[in-house]
Amino acid sequence: LIAFSLEVIALFSIMFISNIITKVGLSQWILSFLIAVALIWFWGQYMAPKGKRRLTGVAFYIAKVVIYLLAAYSIYYFQGVWWMTTFLVVFIIDEAFLFPIRNEDPAVFFKSK
């Protein structure tokens, strides 16, 4: 539940990056929509547990960290340091608990399909 909540927060946070890029009304909405569609598509294909081309190992964690750092930057830009820090701490704690569940064999982290 926490992981899903973080994913939803990351999605909406990254959508608001369009407000940083452009200041014009309609183009913000279009860019936000395109960013959301691209992120949902990428997550569904490469990050979701039942994705067709799921990333594994280091590639999975690199993609996840990049997505969450973009979300953290957006949170910082619009909400400030406290909310960004809270988001990142919850993300790190959640990953620390989920890592042993996702990877039964520690060597799996270094393998990719």
N, C-alpha and C. Protein backbone atom coordinates (compact mmCIF):
# COMPACT_ATOMS: atom_id res chain seq x y z
N LEU A 1 0.82 -1.20 0.00
CA LEU A 1 0.00 0.00 0.00
C LEU A 1 0.87 1.27 0.00
N ILE A 2 1.94 1.24 0.78
CA ILE A 2 2.83 2.40 0.81
C ILE A 2 3.53 2.58 -0.53
N ALA A 3 3.98 1.48 -1.13
CA ALA A 3 4.66 1.55 -2.42
C ALA A 3 3.72 2.13 -3.49
N PHE A 4 2.47 1.67 -3.50
CA PHE A 4 1.50 2.19 -4.47
C PHE A 4 1.23 3.67 -4.23
N SER A 5 1.11 4.06 -2.98
CA SER A 5 0.89 5.47 -2.65
C SER A 5 2.06 6.32 -3.13
N LEU A 6 3.27 5.84 -2.95
CA LEU A 6 4.45 6.57 -3.43
C LEU A 6 4.44 6.68 -4.95
N GLU A 7 4.00 5.63 -5.63
CA GLU A 7 3.93 5.67 -7.09
C GLU A 7 2.93 6.72 -7.56
N VAL A 8 1.78 6.79 -6.91
CA VAL A 8 0.76 7.77 -7.29
C VAL A 8 1.26 9.19 -7.01
N ILE A 9 1.89 9.38 -5.85
CA ILE A 9 2.45 10.70 -5.52
C ILE A 9 3.52 11.08 -6.55
N ALA A 10 4.35 10.13 -6.92
CA ALA A 10 5.40 10.40 -7.92
C ALA A 10 4.78 10.78 -9.26
N LEU A 11 3.74 10.08 -9.67
CA LEU A 11 3.08 10.38 -10.94
C LEU A 11 2.55 11.81 -10.95
N PHE A 12 1.80 12.18 -9.92
CA PHE A 12 1.24 13.53 -9.89
C PHE A 12 2.32 14.60 -9.73
N SER A 13 3.36 14.29 -8.97
CA SER A 13 4.45 15.25 -8.81
C SER A 13 5.17 15.49 -10.12
N ILE A 14 5.43 14.43 -10.86
CA ILE A 14 6.13 14.58 -12.14
C ILE A 14 5.24 15.29 -13.15
N MET A 15 3.93 15.10 -13.07
CA MET A 15 3.03 15.83 -13.96
C MET A 15 3.17 17.34 -13.78
N PHE A 16 3.43 17.78 -12.56
CA PHE A 16 3.54 19.21 -12.30
C PHE A 16 4.86 19.80 -12.75
N ILE A 17 5.78 18.98 -13.24
CA ILE A 17 7.03 19.51 -13.80
C ILE A 17 6.71 20.40 -15.01
N SER A 18 5.59 20.16 -15.65
CA SER A 18 5.21 21.00 -16.78
C SER A 18 5.02 22.45 -16.34
N ASN A 19 4.64 22.68 -15.09
CA ASN A 19 4.50 24.05 -14.59
C ASN A 19 5.85 24.73 -14.44
N ILE A 20 6.91 23.96 -14.28
CA ILE A 20 8.25 24.52 -14.20
C ILE A 20 8.75 24.85 -15.61
N ILE A 21 8.42 23.97 -16.56
CA ILE A 21 8.93 24.11 -17.93
C ILE A 21 8.24 25.25 -18.67
N THR A 22 6.93 25.34 -18.55
CA THR A 22 6.17 26.34 -19.30
C THR A 22 5.20 27.06 -18.38
N LYS A 23 4.90 28.29 -18.69
CA LYS A 23 4.00 29.09 -17.86
C LYS A 23 2.68 29.42 -18.58
N VAL A 24 2.47 28.90 -19.76
CA VAL A 24 1.27 29.19 -20.53
C VAL A 24 0.20 28.15 -20.20
N GLY A 25 -1.04 28.56 -20.00
CA GLY A 25 -2.12 27.71 -19.53
C GLY A 25 -2.35 26.42 -20.29
N LEU A 26 -2.72 26.50 -21.57
CA LEU A 26 -3.08 25.30 -22.32
C LEU A 26 -1.89 24.38 -22.51
N SER A 27 -0.72 24.95 -22.77
CA SER A 27 0.45 24.10 -22.98
C SER A 27 0.83 23.35 -21.70
N GLN A 28 0.56 23.94 -20.53
CA GLN A 28 0.81 23.23 -19.27
C GLN A 28 -0.05 21.98 -19.18
N TRP A 29 -1.32 22.12 -19.49
CA TRP A 29 -2.23 20.97 -19.41
C TRP A 29 -1.86 19.88 -20.41
N ILE A 30 -1.52 20.29 -21.61
CA ILE A 30 -1.15 19.31 -22.64
C ILE A 30 0.14 18.60 -22.24
N LEU A 31 1.13 19.37 -21.77
CA LEU A 31 2.39 18.77 -21.36
C LEU A 31 2.21 17.86 -20.15
N SER A 32 1.37 18.28 -19.20
CA SER A 32 1.09 17.43 -18.03
C SER A 32 0.45 16.12 -18.46
N PHE A 33 -0.50 16.19 -19.38
CA PHE A 33 -1.15 14.99 -19.88
C PHE A 33 -0.16 14.07 -20.59
N LEU A 34 0.69 14.64 -21.43
CA LEU A 34 1.68 13.83 -22.15
C LEU A 34 2.69 13.19 -21.20
N ILE A 35 3.11 13.94 -20.19
CA ILE A 35 4.04 13.39 -19.20
C ILE A 35 3.38 12.24 -18.45
N ALA A 36 2.11 12.41 -18.06
CA ALA A 36 1.40 11.35 -17.35
C ALA A 36 1.25 10.10 -18.21
N VAL A 37 0.86 10.27 -19.46
CA VAL A 37 0.70 9.13 -20.36
C VAL A 37 2.03 8.41 -20.56
N ALA A 38 3.10 9.16 -20.77
CA ALA A 38 4.42 8.55 -20.97
C ALA A 38 4.88 7.80 -19.73
N LEU A 39 4.68 8.40 -18.56
CA LEU A 39 5.11 7.74 -17.33
C LEU A 39 4.28 6.50 -17.03
N ILE A 40 2.98 6.58 -17.23
CA ILE A 40 2.12 5.40 -17.01
C ILE A 40 2.49 4.29 -17.98
N TRP A 41 2.73 4.64 -19.24
CA TRP A 41 3.14 3.63 -20.21
C TRP A 41 4.46 2.99 -19.81
N PHE A 42 5.46 3.82 -19.46
CA PHE A 42 6.77 3.30 -19.08
C PHE A 42 6.65 2.40 -17.85
N TRP A 43 5.91 2.86 -16.85
CA TRP A 43 5.76 2.07 -15.62
C TRP A 43 5.05 0.75 -15.91
N GLY A 44 4.02 0.80 -16.73
CA GLY A 44 3.28 -0.43 -17.06
C GLY A 44 4.11 -1.44 -17.84
N GLN A 45 4.97 -0.96 -18.72
CA GLN A 45 5.79 -1.85 -19.54
C GLN A 45 7.01 -2.37 -18.80
N TYR A 46 7.69 -1.49 -18.07
CA TYR A 46 9.02 -1.82 -17.57
C TYR A 46 9.14 -1.94 -16.05
N MET A 47 8.20 -1.38 -15.30
CA MET A 47 8.36 -1.35 -13.85
C MET A 47 7.31 -2.19 -13.11
N ALA A 48 6.15 -2.37 -13.70
CA ALA A 48 5.07 -3.09 -13.02
C ALA A 48 5.45 -4.55 -12.82
N PRO A 49 4.99 -5.15 -11.73
CA PRO A 49 5.34 -6.56 -11.46
C PRO A 49 4.94 -7.51 -12.57
N LYS A 50 3.86 -7.22 -13.28
CA LYS A 50 3.43 -8.10 -14.37
C LYS A 50 3.66 -7.47 -15.73
N GLY A 51 4.61 -6.54 -15.81
CA GLY A 51 4.92 -5.88 -17.07
C GLY A 51 5.50 -6.87 -18.07
N LYS A 52 5.24 -6.61 -19.36
CA LYS A 52 5.70 -7.52 -20.41
C LYS A 52 7.22 -7.53 -20.54
N ARG A 53 7.84 -6.38 -20.36
CA ARG A 53 9.29 -6.26 -20.49
C ARG A 53 9.89 -5.70 -19.20
N ARG A 54 9.56 -6.29 -18.11
CA ARG A 54 9.97 -5.78 -16.80
C ARG A 54 11.49 -5.71 -16.67
N LEU A 55 11.95 -4.55 -16.22
CA LEU A 55 13.38 -4.39 -15.94
C LEU A 55 13.73 -5.18 -14.69
N THR A 56 14.94 -5.65 -14.63
CA THR A 56 15.39 -6.38 -13.45
C THR A 56 16.74 -5.81 -13.01
N GLY A 57 17.10 -6.14 -11.81
CA GLY A 57 18.42 -5.80 -11.31
C GLY A 57 18.68 -4.31 -11.25
N VAL A 58 19.88 -3.95 -11.65
CA VAL A 58 20.34 -2.58 -11.55
C VAL A 58 19.49 -1.65 -12.41
N ALA A 59 19.11 -2.07 -13.60
CA ALA A 59 18.31 -1.22 -14.49
C ALA A 59 16.98 -0.83 -13.83
N PHE A 60 16.35 -1.77 -13.14
CA PHE A 60 15.10 -1.49 -12.44
C PHE A 60 15.29 -0.39 -11.40
N TYR A 61 16.34 -0.52 -10.60
CA TYR A 61 16.56 0.45 -9.52
C TYR A 61 17.04 1.80 -10.04
N ILE A 62 17.79 1.81 -11.13
CA ILE A 62 18.20 3.09 -11.72
C ILE A 62 16.97 3.84 -12.23
N ALA A 63 16.10 3.15 -12.95
CA ALA A 63 14.88 3.79 -13.46
C ALA A 63 14.01 4.28 -12.31
N LYS A 64 13.89 3.47 -11.27
CA LYS A 64 13.05 3.84 -10.13
C LYS A 64 13.62 5.07 -9.40
N VAL A 65 14.92 5.09 -9.21
CA VAL A 65 15.55 6.23 -8.53
C VAL A 65 15.40 7.50 -9.37
N VAL A 66 15.56 7.41 -10.68
CA VAL A 66 15.41 8.58 -11.54
C VAL A 66 13.98 9.12 -11.44
N ILE A 67 12.99 8.24 -11.50
CA ILE A 67 11.59 8.66 -11.40
C ILE A 67 11.32 9.33 -10.06
N TYR A 68 11.79 8.73 -8.98
CA TYR A 68 11.53 9.28 -7.66
C TYR A 68 12.34 10.56 -7.40
N LEU A 69 13.50 10.70 -7.99
CA LEU A 69 14.24 11.96 -7.85
C LEU A 69 13.56 13.10 -8.62
N LEU A 70 13.01 12.80 -9.79
CA LEU A 70 12.22 13.81 -10.50
C LEU A 70 11.01 14.23 -9.68
N ALA A 71 10.35 13.25 -9.08
CA ALA A 71 9.20 13.56 -8.23
C ALA A 71 9.64 14.39 -7.02
N ALA A 72 10.77 14.04 -6.42
CA ALA A 72 11.27 14.77 -5.26
C ALA A 72 11.61 16.21 -5.64
N TYR A 73 12.19 16.42 -6.81
CA TYR A 73 12.49 17.78 -7.26
C TYR A 73 11.20 18.59 -7.42
N SER A 74 10.20 17.98 -8.02
CA SER A 74 8.93 18.68 -8.19
C SER A 74 8.30 19.01 -6.84
N ILE A 75 8.36 18.07 -5.91
CA ILE A 75 7.83 18.33 -4.57
C ILE A 75 8.61 19.46 -3.91
N TYR A 76 9.91 19.45 -4.06
CA TYR A 76 10.74 20.52 -3.50
C TYR A 76 10.37 21.87 -4.10
N TYR A 77 10.20 21.90 -5.40
CA TYR A 77 9.91 23.15 -6.09
C TYR A 77 8.57 23.76 -5.65
N PHE A 78 7.56 22.90 -5.45
CA PHE A 78 6.23 23.41 -5.14
C PHE A 78 5.88 23.37 -3.65
N GLN A 79 6.48 22.47 -2.87
CA GLN A 79 6.09 22.32 -1.48
C GLN A 79 7.20 22.63 -0.48
N GLY A 80 8.45 22.54 -0.88
CA GLY A 80 9.55 22.86 0.01
C GLY A 80 10.34 21.65 0.45
N VAL A 81 11.36 21.94 1.24
CA VAL A 81 12.33 20.92 1.66
C VAL A 81 11.70 19.87 2.56
N TRP A 82 10.84 20.28 3.48
CA TRP A 82 10.29 19.33 4.44
C TRP A 82 9.52 18.21 3.75
N TRP A 83 8.63 18.56 2.82
CA TRP A 83 7.84 17.53 2.12
C TRP A 83 8.72 16.67 1.22
N MET A 84 9.72 17.28 0.57
CA MET A 84 10.63 16.50 -0.27
C MET A 84 11.40 15.49 0.58
N THR A 85 11.90 15.93 1.72
CA THR A 85 12.65 15.04 2.61
C THR A 85 11.76 13.91 3.12
N THR A 86 10.54 14.25 3.50
CA THR A 86 9.59 13.22 3.97
C THR A 86 9.34 12.19 2.88
N PHE A 87 9.12 12.66 1.65
CA PHE A 87 8.89 11.76 0.52
C PHE A 87 10.08 10.83 0.30
N LEU A 88 11.28 11.38 0.31
CA LEU A 88 12.48 10.56 0.08
C LEU A 88 12.74 9.58 1.22
N VAL A 89 12.51 9.99 2.46
CA VAL A 89 12.72 9.09 3.60
C VAL A 89 11.73 7.92 3.54
N VAL A 90 10.46 8.22 3.26
CA VAL A 90 9.47 7.14 3.14
C VAL A 90 9.84 6.21 2.00
N PHE A 91 10.30 6.76 0.87
CA PHE A 91 10.73 5.94 -0.26
C PHE A 91 11.89 5.02 0.12
N ILE A 92 12.88 5.56 0.79
CA ILE A 92 14.06 4.77 1.18
C ILE A 92 13.67 3.67 2.17
N ILE A 93 12.85 4.01 3.15
CA ILE A 93 12.41 3.00 4.13
C ILE A 93 11.59 1.92 3.44
N ASP A 94 10.70 2.32 2.55
CA ASP A 94 9.88 1.35 1.82
C ASP A 94 10.74 0.42 0.98
N GLU A 95 11.71 0.97 0.28
CA GLU A 95 12.59 0.13 -0.53
C GLU A 95 13.44 -0.81 0.33
N ALA A 96 13.85 -0.35 1.49
CA ALA A 96 14.65 -1.20 2.39
C ALA A 96 13.85 -2.42 2.83
N PHE A 97 12.54 -2.23 3.04
CA PHE A 97 11.71 -3.37 3.45
C PHE A 97 11.31 -4.25 2.27
N LEU A 98 11.16 -3.67 1.09
CA LEU A 98 10.72 -4.45 -0.08
C LEU A 98 11.86 -5.16 -0.79
N PHE A 99 13.09 -4.70 -0.63
CA PHE A 99 14.21 -5.31 -1.34
C PHE A 99 14.34 -6.81 -1.04
N PRO A 100 14.29 -7.24 0.23
CA PRO A 100 14.40 -8.69 0.47
C PRO A 100 13.22 -9.48 -0.08
N ILE A 101 12.06 -8.87 -0.18
CA ILE A 101 10.88 -9.58 -0.70
C ILE A 101 11.01 -9.76 -2.21
N ARG A 102 11.46 -8.72 -2.92
CA ARG A 102 11.58 -8.79 -4.37
C ARG A 102 12.71 -9.70 -4.82
N ASN A 103 13.77 -9.74 -4.07
CA ASN A 103 14.97 -10.46 -4.49
C ASN A 103 15.31 -11.53 -3.45
N GLU A 104 14.87 -12.75 -3.72
CA GLU A 104 15.17 -13.83 -2.78
C GLU A 104 16.66 -14.16 -2.77
N ASP A 105 17.27 -14.10 -3.93
CA ASP A 105 18.70 -14.36 -4.06
C ASP A 105 19.42 -13.02 -4.24
N PRO A 106 20.36 -12.65 -3.36
CA PRO A 106 21.04 -11.36 -3.50
C PRO A 106 21.72 -11.18 -4.85
N ALA A 107 22.12 -12.27 -5.50
CA ALA A 107 22.78 -12.15 -6.80
C ALA A 107 21.83 -11.68 -7.89
N VAL A 108 20.51 -11.79 -7.65
CA VAL A 108 19.52 -11.34 -8.65
C VAL A 108 19.67 -9.86 -8.93
N PHE A 109 20.13 -9.12 -7.94
CA PHE A 109 20.28 -7.67 -8.10
C PHE A 109 21.25 -7.35 -9.23
N PHE A 110 22.21 -8.19 -9.47
CA PHE A 110 23.21 -7.91 -10.49
C PHE A 110 22.93 -8.58 -11.83
N LYS A 111 21.82 -9.28 -11.93
CA LYS A 111 21.46 -9.93 -13.18
C LYS A 111 20.42 -9.09 -13.89
N SER A 112 20.43 -9.12 -15.21
CA SER A 112 19.37 -8.48 -15.98
C SER A 112 18.99 -9.43 -17.10
N LYS A 113 17.75 -9.34 -17.50
CA LYS A 113 17.26 -10.25 -18.55
C LYS A 113 17.66 -9.76 -19.91
